[in-house]
């Protein structure tokens, strides 16, 4: 693996990286590598993953069970009244 030295990391960024490393229970070097892999859409095995431009990271996603529960709740609203669409 290649070694890279990064200088002049802004203090706030350094604090965020340190906090991430502490939360993950890993070293700063491994934390930076994980963050870079995630930011570039690469996985730890070096394979590029699809990166979507949606709001999943902000809004979250549903599990299959949550989506099924939602579909059951709104099922009554989905039928189309043929008389209305004539």
PDB file of N, CA and C in Angstrom:
ATOM      1  N   UNK A   1       0.828  -1.189   0.000  1.00  0.00           N
ATOM      2  CA  UNK A   1       0.000   0.000   0.000  1.00  0.00           C
ATOM      3  C   UNK A   1       0.868   1.246   0.000  1.00  0.00           C
ATOM      4  N   UNK A   2       0.332   2.268  -0.556  1.00  0.00           N
ATOM      5  CA  UNK A   2       1.025   3.545  -0.633  1.00  0.00           C
ATOM      6  C   UNK A   2       0.829   4.338   0.654  1.00  0.00           C
ATOM      7  N   UNK A   3       1.839   5.077   1.056  1.00  0.00           N
ATOM      8  CA  UNK A   3       1.755   5.953   2.214  1.00  0.00           C
ATOM      9  C   UNK A   3       1.600   7.382   1.724  1.00  0.00           C
ATOM     10  N   UNK A   4       0.634   8.085   2.295  1.00  0.00           N
ATOM     11  CA  UNK A   4       0.383   9.475   1.919  1.00  0.00           C
ATOM     12  C   UNK A   4       0.425  10.325   3.181  1.00  0.00           C
ATOM     13  N   UNK A   5       1.107  11.448   3.110  1.00  0.00           N
ATOM     14  CA  UNK A   5       1.134  12.398   4.210  1.00  0.00           C
ATOM     15  C   UNK A   5       0.253  13.581   3.849  1.00  0.00           C
ATOM     16  N   UNK A   6      -0.641  13.920   4.746  1.00  0.00           N
ATOM     17  CA  UNK A   6      -1.531  15.055   4.503  1.00  0.00           C
ATOM     18  C   UNK A   6      -1.209  16.131   5.523  1.00  0.00           C
ATOM     19  N   UNK A   7      -0.923  17.313   5.028  1.00  0.00           N
ATOM     20  CA  UNK A   7      -0.581  18.434   5.902  1.00  0.00           C
ATOM     21  C   UNK A   7      -1.727  19.436   5.950  1.00  0.00           C
ATOM     22  N   UNK A   8      -1.713  20.229   6.979  1.00  0.00           N
ATOM     23  CA  UNK A   8      -2.644  21.349   7.144  1.00  0.00           C
ATOM     24  C   UNK A   8      -4.111  20.910   7.173  1.00  0.00           C
ATOM     25  N   UNK A   9      -4.385  19.824   7.914  1.00  0.00           N
ATOM     26  CA  UNK A   9      -5.766  19.394   8.103  1.00  0.00           C
ATOM     27  C   UNK A   9      -6.439  20.403   9.033  1.00  0.00           C
ATOM     28  N   UNK A  10      -7.558  20.973   8.622  1.00  0.00           N
ATOM     29  CA  UNK A  10      -8.244  21.935   9.479  1.00  0.00           C
ATOM     30  C   UNK A  10      -8.598  21.302  10.834  1.00  0.00           C
ATOM     31  N   UNK A  11      -8.482  22.064  11.909  1.00  0.00           N
ATOM     32  CA  UNK A  11      -8.731  21.515  13.250  1.00  0.00           C
ATOM     33  C   UNK A  11     -10.106  20.850  13.400  1.00  0.00           C
ATOM     34  N   UNK A  12     -11.134  21.439  12.845  1.00  0.00           N
ATOM     35  CA  UNK A  12     -12.478  20.859  12.966  1.00  0.00           C
ATOM     36  C   UNK A  12     -12.543  19.507  12.253  1.00  0.00           C
ATOM     37  N   UNK A  13     -11.917  19.400  11.084  1.00  0.00           N
ATOM     38  CA  UNK A  13     -11.880  18.125  10.369  1.00  0.00           C
ATOM     39  C   UNK A  13     -11.111  17.086  11.176  1.00  0.00           C
ATOM     40  N   UNK A  14      -9.994  17.487  11.754  1.00  0.00           N
ATOM     41  CA  UNK A  14      -9.198  16.572  12.575  1.00  0.00           C
ATOM     42  C   UNK A  14     -10.025  16.059  13.750  1.00  0.00           C
ATOM     43  N   UNK A  15     -10.801  16.935  14.378  1.00  0.00           N
ATOM     44  CA  UNK A  15     -11.651  16.520  15.496  1.00  0.00           C
ATOM     45  C   UNK A  15     -12.710  15.514  15.040  1.00  0.00           C
ATOM     46  N   UNK A  16     -13.286  15.755  13.869  1.00  0.00           N
ATOM     47  CA  UNK A  16     -14.306  14.843  13.346  1.00  0.00           C
ATOM     48  C   UNK A  16     -13.704  13.469  13.045  1.00  0.00           C
ATOM     49  N   UNK A  17     -12.518  13.455  12.462  1.00  0.00           N
ATOM     50  CA  UNK A  17     -11.856  12.181  12.160  1.00  0.00           C
ATOM     51  C   UNK A  17     -11.515  11.440  13.451  1.00  0.00           C
ATOM     52  N   UNK A  18     -11.005  12.161  14.428  1.00  0.00           N
ATOM     53  CA  UNK A  18     -10.670  11.543  15.713  1.00  0.00           C
ATOM     54  C   UNK A  18     -11.917  10.982  16.385  1.00  0.00           C
ATOM     55  N   UNK A  19     -13.013  11.722  16.333  1.00  0.00           N
ATOM     56  CA  UNK A  19     -14.264  11.249  16.930  1.00  0.00           C
ATOM     57  C   UNK A  19     -14.761   9.993  16.209  1.00  0.00           C
ATOM     58  N   UNK A  20     -14.654   9.995  14.882  1.00  0.00           N
ATOM     59  CA  UNK A  20     -15.063   8.822  14.095  1.00  0.00           C
ATOM     60  C   UNK A  20     -14.217   7.612  14.480  1.00  0.00           C
ATOM     61  N   UNK A  21     -12.902   7.797  14.571  1.00  0.00           N
ATOM     62  CA  UNK A  21     -12.003   6.700  14.935  1.00  0.00           C
ATOM     63  C   UNK A  21     -12.351   6.154  16.318  1.00  0.00           C
ATOM     64  N   UNK A  22     -12.648   7.045  17.234  1.00  0.00           N
ATOM     65  CA  UNK A  22     -12.994   6.606  18.590  1.00  0.00           C
ATOM     66  C   UNK A  22     -14.316   5.829  18.590  1.00  0.00           C
ATOM     67  N   UNK A  23     -15.307   6.343  17.866  1.00  0.00           N
ATOM     68  CA  UNK A  23     -16.601   5.663  17.776  1.00  0.00           C
ATOM     69  C   UNK A  23     -16.465   4.270  17.168  1.00  0.00           C
ATOM     70  N   UNK A  24     -15.613   4.169  16.143  1.00  0.00           N
ATOM     71  CA  UNK A  24     -15.427   2.902  15.447  1.00  0.00           C
ATOM     72  C   UNK A  24     -14.438   1.978  16.151  1.00  0.00           C
ATOM     73  N   UNK A  25     -13.744   2.518  17.146  1.00  0.00           N
ATOM     74  CA  UNK A  25     -12.760   1.714  17.869  1.00  0.00           C
ATOM     75  C   UNK A  25     -11.580   1.324  17.008  1.00  0.00           C
ATOM     76  N   UNK A  26     -11.108   2.270  16.209  1.00  0.00           N
ATOM     77  CA  UNK A  26     -10.017   1.981  15.285  1.00  0.00           C
ATOM     78  C   UNK A  26      -8.975   3.099  15.342  1.00  0.00           C
ATOM     79  N   UNK A  27      -7.882   2.885  14.650  1.00  0.00           N
ATOM     80  CA  UNK A  27      -6.824   3.892  14.617  1.00  0.00           C
ATOM     81  C   UNK A  27      -7.210   5.041  13.693  1.00  0.00           C
ATOM     82  N   UNK A  28      -6.497   6.149  13.816  1.00  0.00           N
ATOM     83  CA  UNK A  28      -6.743   7.283  12.927  1.00  0.00           C
ATOM     84  C   UNK A  28      -6.476   6.913  11.473  1.00  0.00           C
ATOM     85  N   UNK A  29      -5.417   6.172  11.232  1.00  0.00           N
ATOM     86  CA  UNK A  29      -5.081   5.789   9.857  1.00  0.00           C
ATOM     87  C   UNK A  29      -6.198   4.952   9.235  1.00  0.00           C
ATOM     88  N   UNK A  30      -6.693   3.963   9.988  1.00  0.00           N
ATOM     89  CA  UNK A  30      -7.773   3.125   9.464  1.00  0.00           C
ATOM     90  C   UNK A  30      -9.058   3.941   9.292  1.00  0.00           C
ATOM     91  N   UNK A  31      -9.307   4.863  10.206  1.00  0.00           N
ATOM     92  CA  UNK A  31     -10.498   5.708  10.094  1.00  0.00           C
ATOM     93  C   UNK A  31     -10.434   6.555   8.831  1.00  0.00           C
ATOM     94  N   UNK A  32      -9.282   7.144   8.561  1.00  0.00           N
ATOM     95  CA  UNK A  32      -9.131   7.971   7.358  1.00  0.00           C
ATOM     96  C   UNK A  32      -9.317   7.118   6.107  1.00  0.00           C
ATOM     97  N   UNK A  33      -8.754   5.921   6.107  1.00  0.00           N
ATOM     98  CA  UNK A  33      -8.907   5.037   4.944  1.00  0.00           C
ATOM     99  C   UNK A  33     -10.376   4.681   4.737  1.00  0.00           C
ATOM    100  N   UNK A  34     -11.089   4.333   5.811  1.00  0.00           N
ATOM    101  CA  UNK A  34     -12.518   4.008   5.691  1.00  0.00           C
ATOM    102  C   UNK A  34     -13.309   5.187   5.142  1.00  0.00           C
ATOM    103  N   UNK A  35     -13.014   6.380   5.674  1.00  0.00           N
ATOM    104  CA  UNK A  35     -13.732   7.569   5.216  1.00  0.00           C
ATOM    105  C   UNK A  35     -13.447   7.870   3.747  1.00  0.00           C
ATOM    106  N   UNK A  36     -12.202   7.692   3.333  1.00  0.00           N
ATOM    107  CA  UNK A  36     -11.852   7.914   1.931  1.00  0.00           C
ATOM    108  C   UNK A  36     -12.503   6.869   1.024  1.00  0.00           C
ATOM    109  N   UNK A  37     -12.518   5.614   1.457  1.00  0.00           N
ATOM    110  CA  UNK A  37     -13.174   4.569   0.676  1.00  0.00           C
ATOM    111  C   UNK A  37     -14.658   4.868   0.511  1.00  0.00           C
ATOM    112  N   UNK A  38     -15.295   5.280   1.605  1.00  0.00           N
ATOM    113  CA  UNK A  38     -16.716   5.598   1.541  1.00  0.00           C
ATOM    114  C   UNK A  38     -16.973   6.818   0.661  1.00  0.00           C
ATOM    115  N   UNK A  39     -16.147   7.829   0.783  1.00  0.00           N
ATOM    116  CA  UNK A  39     -16.331   9.064   0.006  1.00  0.00           C
ATOM    117  C   UNK A  39     -16.139   8.842  -1.491  1.00  0.00           C
ATOM    118  N   UNK A  40     -15.297   7.889  -1.847  1.00  0.00           N
ATOM    119  CA  UNK A  40     -15.035   7.631  -3.263  1.00  0.00           C
ATOM    120  C   UNK A  40     -15.904   6.519  -3.843  1.00  0.00           C
ATOM    121  N   UNK A  41     -16.737   5.902  -2.990  1.00  0.00           N
ATOM    122  CA  UNK A  41     -17.601   4.840  -3.470  1.00  0.00           C
ATOM    123  C   UNK A  41     -16.904   3.507  -3.606  1.00  0.00           C
ATOM    124  N   UNK A  42     -15.726   3.380  -3.048  1.00  0.00           N
ATOM    125  CA  UNK A  42     -14.991   2.118  -3.083  1.00  0.00           C
ATOM    126  C   UNK A  42     -15.242   1.340  -1.801  1.00  0.00           C
ATOM    127  N   UNK A  43     -15.208   0.033  -1.908  1.00  0.00           N
ATOM    128  CA  UNK A  43     -15.323  -0.801  -0.721  1.00  0.00           C
ATOM    129  C   UNK A  43     -13.922  -1.161  -0.254  1.00  0.00           C
ATOM    130  N   UNK A  44     -13.805  -1.742   0.944  1.00  0.00           N
ATOM    131  CA  UNK A  44     -12.469  -2.134   1.412  1.00  0.00           C
ATOM    132  C   UNK A  44     -11.744  -3.107   0.483  1.00  0.00           C
ATOM    133  N   UNK A  45     -12.478  -3.860  -0.345  1.00  0.00           N
ATOM    134  CA  UNK A  45     -11.815  -4.791  -1.256  1.00  0.00           C
ATOM    135  C   UNK A  45     -11.396  -4.139  -2.578  1.00  0.00           C
ATOM    136  N   UNK A  46     -11.632  -2.815  -2.694  1.00  0.00           N
ATOM    137  CA  UNK A  46     -11.193  -2.084  -3.872  1.00  0.00           C
ATOM    138  C   UNK A  46     -12.185  -2.066  -5.013  1.00  0.00           C
ATOM    139  N   UNK A  47     -13.351  -2.669  -4.831  1.00  0.00           N
ATOM    140  CA  UNK A  47     -14.362  -2.707  -5.881  1.00  0.00           C
ATOM    141  C   UNK A  47     -15.228  -1.461  -5.785  1.00  0.00           C
ATOM    142  N   UNK A  48     -15.421  -0.805  -6.924  1.00  0.00           N
ATOM    143  CA  UNK A  48     -16.239   0.410  -6.933  1.00  0.00           C
ATOM    144  C   UNK A  48     -17.702   0.035  -6.769  1.00  0.00           C
ATOM    145  N   UNK A  49     -18.367   0.706  -5.871  1.00  0.00           N
ATOM    146  CA  UNK A  49     -19.782   0.486  -5.618  1.00  0.00           C
ATOM    147  C   UNK A  49     -20.585   1.605  -6.258  1.00  0.00           C
ATOM    148  N   UNK A  50     -21.817   1.314  -6.581  1.00  0.00           N
ATOM    149  CA  UNK A  50     -22.701   2.329  -7.153  1.00  0.00           C
ATOM    150  C   UNK A  50     -22.975   3.391  -6.107  1.00  0.00           C
ATOM    151  N   UNK A  51     -22.863   4.619  -6.506  1.00  0.00           N
ATOM    152  CA  UNK A  51     -23.139   5.724  -5.610  1.00  0.00           C
ATOM    153  C   UNK A  51     -24.349   6.468  -6.138  1.00  0.00           C
ATOM    154  N   UNK A  52     -25.379   6.556  -5.328  1.00  0.00           N
ATOM    155  CA  UNK A  52     -26.624   7.171  -5.740  1.00  0.00           C
ATOM    156  C   UNK A  52     -26.663   8.626  -5.310  1.00  0.00           C
ATOM    157  N   UNK A  53     -27.394   9.422  -6.035  1.00  0.00           N
ATOM    158  CA  UNK A  53     -27.531  10.843  -5.714  1.00  0.00           C
ATOM    159  C   UNK A  53     -28.854  11.141  -5.032  1.00  0.00           C
ATOM    160  N   UNK A  54     -29.309  10.200  -4.193  1.00  0.00           N
ATOM    161  CA  UNK A  54     -30.582  10.417  -3.525  1.00  0.00           C
ATOM    162  C   UNK A  54     -30.358  10.912  -2.092  1.00  0.00           C
ATOM    163  N   UNK A  55     -31.397  10.944  -1.327  1.00  0.00           N
ATOM    164  CA  UNK A  55     -31.333  11.487   0.025  1.00  0.00           C
ATOM    165  C   UNK A  55     -31.322  10.413   1.103  1.00  0.00           C
ATOM    166  N   UNK A  56     -30.955   9.182   0.762  1.00  0.00           N
ATOM    167  CA  UNK A  56     -30.965   8.097   1.733  1.00  0.00           C
ATOM    168  C   UNK A  56     -30.150   8.422   2.986  1.00  0.00           C
ATOM    169  N   UNK A  57     -29.004   9.046   2.806  1.00  0.00           N
ATOM    170  CA  UNK A  57     -28.170   9.346   3.964  1.00  0.00           C
ATOM    171  C   UNK A  57     -28.839  10.357   4.894  1.00  0.00           C
ATOM    172  N   UNK A  58     -29.659  11.241   4.335  1.00  0.00           N
ATOM    173  CA  UNK A  58     -30.339  12.234   5.155  1.00  0.00           C
ATOM    174  C   UNK A  58     -31.666  11.710   5.702  1.00  0.00           C
ATOM    175  N   UNK A  59     -32.420  11.068   4.849  1.00  0.00           N
ATOM    176  CA  UNK A  59     -33.762  10.646   5.227  1.00  0.00           C
ATOM    177  C   UNK A  59     -33.809   9.225   5.767  1.00  0.00           C
ATOM    178  N   UNK A  60     -32.823   8.428   5.464  1.00  0.00           N
ATOM    179  CA  UNK A  60     -32.826   7.047   5.898  1.00  0.00           C
ATOM    180  C   UNK A  60     -33.523   6.149   4.892  1.00  0.00           C
ATOM    181  N   UNK A  61     -33.549   4.884   5.191  1.00  0.00           N
ATOM    182  CA  UNK A  61     -34.201   3.915   4.317  1.00  0.00           C
ATOM    183  C   UNK A  61     -35.069   3.007   5.174  1.00  0.00           C
ATOM    184  N   UNK A  62     -35.990   2.328   4.527  1.00  0.00           N
ATOM    185  CA  UNK A  62     -36.855   1.385   5.227  1.00  0.00           C
ATOM    186  C   UNK A  62     -36.336  -0.024   5.047  1.00  0.00           C
ATOM    187  N   UNK A  63     -36.574  -0.818   6.061  1.00  0.00           N
ATOM    188  CA  UNK A  63     -36.317  -2.246   5.913  1.00  0.00           C
ATOM    189  C   UNK A  63     -37.461  -2.823   5.088  1.00  0.00           C
ATOM    190  N   UNK A  64     -37.307  -4.042   4.631  1.00  0.00           N
ATOM    191  CA  UNK A  64     -38.378  -4.693   3.863  1.00  0.00           C
ATOM    192  C   UNK A  64     -39.640  -4.804   4.710  1.00  0.00           C
ATOM    193  N   UNK A  65     -39.476  -5.091   5.994  1.00  0.00           N
ATOM    194  CA  UNK A  65     -40.628  -5.206   6.885  1.00  0.00           C
ATOM    195  C   UNK A  65     -41.350  -3.870   7.034  1.00  0.00           C
ATOM    196  N   UNK A  66     -40.589  -2.773   7.161  1.00  0.00           N
ATOM    197  CA  UNK A  66     -41.203  -1.439   7.278  1.00  0.00           C
ATOM    198  C   UNK A  66     -41.942  -1.068   5.998  1.00  0.00           C
ATOM    199  N   UNK A  67     -41.362  -1.388   4.862  1.00  0.00           N
ATOM    200  CA  UNK A  67     -42.018  -1.087   3.584  1.00  0.00           C
ATOM    201  C   UNK A  67     -43.300  -1.893   3.439  1.00  0.00           C
ATOM    202  N   UNK A  68     -43.275  -3.164   3.851  1.00  0.00           N
ATOM    203  CA  UNK A  68     -44.485  -3.997   3.792  1.00  0.00           C
ATOM    204  C   UNK A  68     -45.565  -3.445   4.709  1.00  0.00           C
ATOM    205  N   UNK A  69     -45.185  -3.013   5.901  1.00  0.00           N
ATOM    206  CA  UNK A  69     -46.157  -2.445   6.841  1.00  0.00           C
ATOM    207  C   UNK A  69     -46.778  -1.177   6.260  1.00  0.00           C
ATOM    208  N   UNK A  70     -45.985  -0.336   5.634  1.00  0.00           N
ATOM    209  CA  UNK A  70     -46.502   0.877   5.008  1.00  0.00           C
ATOM    210  C   UNK A  70     -47.482   0.530   3.888  1.00  0.00           C
ATOM    211  N   UNK A  71     -47.108  -0.430   3.054  1.00  0.00           N
ATOM    212  CA  UNK A  71     -47.990  -0.846   1.956  1.00  0.00           C
ATOM    213  C   UNK A  71     -49.326  -1.361   2.477  1.00  0.00           C
ATOM    214  N   UNK A  72     -49.302  -2.091   3.587  1.00  0.00           N
ATOM    215  CA  UNK A  72     -50.563  -2.590   4.165  1.00  0.00           C
ATOM    216  C   UNK A  72     -51.439  -1.434   4.647  1.00  0.00           C
ATOM    217  N   UNK A  73     -50.828  -0.420   5.251  1.00  0.00           N
ATOM    218  CA  UNK A  73     -51.578   0.713   5.794  1.00  0.00           C
ATOM    219  C   UNK A  73     -52.218   1.532   4.673  1.00  0.00           C
ATOM    220  N   UNK A  74     -51.543   1.722   3.569  1.00  0.00           N
ATOM    221  CA  UNK A  74     -52.074   2.571   2.494  1.00  0.00           C
ATOM    222  C   UNK A  74     -52.808   1.782   1.406  1.00  0.00           C
ATOM    223  N   UNK A  75     -52.955   0.474   1.589  1.00  0.00           N
ATOM    224  CA  UNK A  75     -53.596  -0.357   0.563  1.00  0.00           C
ATOM    225  C   UNK A  75     -55.011   0.127   0.244  1.00  0.00           C
ATOM    226  N   UNK A  76     -55.760   0.585   1.250  1.00  0.00           N
ATOM    227  CA  UNK A  76     -57.131   1.055   1.021  1.00  0.00           C
ATOM    228  C   UNK A  76     -57.175   2.299   0.142  1.00  0.00           C
ATOM    229  N   UNK A  77     -56.090   3.041   0.070  1.00  0.00           N
ATOM    230  CA  UNK A  77     -56.057   4.277  -0.709  1.00  0.00           C
ATOM    231  C   UNK A  77     -55.653   4.032  -2.167  1.00  0.00           C
ATOM    232  N   UNK A  78     -55.200   2.848  -2.475  1.00  0.00           N
ATOM    233  CA  UNK A  78     -54.660   2.577  -3.806  1.00  0.00           C
ATOM    234  C   UNK A  78     -55.678   2.171  -4.873  1.00  0.00           C
ATOM    235  N   UNK A  79     -56.785   1.530  -4.519  1.00  0.00           N
ATOM    236  CA  UNK A  79     -57.715   1.140  -5.585  1.00  0.00           C
ATOM    237  C   UNK A  79     -58.248   2.360  -6.339  1.00  0.00           C
ATOM    238  N   UNK A  80     -58.446   2.185  -7.632  1.00  0.00           N
ATOM    239  CA  UNK A  80     -58.949   3.256  -8.477  1.00  0.00           C
ATOM    240  C   UNK A  80     -60.436   3.002  -8.730  1.00  0.00           C
ATOM    241  N   UNK A  81     -61.218   4.035  -8.500  1.00  0.00           N
ATOM    242  CA  UNK A  81     -62.656   3.949  -8.752  1.00  0.00           C
ATOM    243  C   UNK A  81     -62.883   4.166 -10.236  1.00  0.00           C
ATOM    244  N   UNK A  82     -63.327   3.128 -10.961  1.00  0.00           N
ATOM    245  CA  UNK A  82     -63.501   3.263 -12.420  1.00  0.00           C
ATOM    246  C   UNK A  82     -64.486   4.358 -12.821  1.00  0.00           C
ATOM    247  N   UNK A  83     -65.493   4.622 -11.988  1.00  0.00           N
ATOM    248  CA  UNK A  83     -66.472   5.663 -12.321  1.00  0.00           C
ATOM    249  C   UNK A  83     -65.840   7.053 -12.317  1.00  0.00           C
ATOM    250  N   UNK A  84     -64.843   7.256 -11.480  1.00  0.00           N
ATOM    251  CA  UNK A  84     -64.178   8.557 -11.402  1.00  0.00           C
ATOM    252  C   UNK A  84     -63.292   8.770 -12.633  1.00  0.00           C
ATOM    253  N   UNK A  85     -62.784   7.713 -13.226  1.00  0.00           N
ATOM    254  CA  UNK A  85     -61.841   7.829 -14.346  1.00  0.00           C
ATOM    255  C   UNK A  85     -62.469   7.649 -15.711  1.00  0.00           C
ATOM    256  N   UNK A  86     -63.745   7.840 -15.813  1.00  0.00           N
ATOM    257  CA  UNK A  86     -64.407   7.735 -17.115  1.00  0.00           C
ATOM    258  C   UNK A  86     -64.438   9.052 -17.823  1.00  0.00           C
TER     259      UNK A  86
END
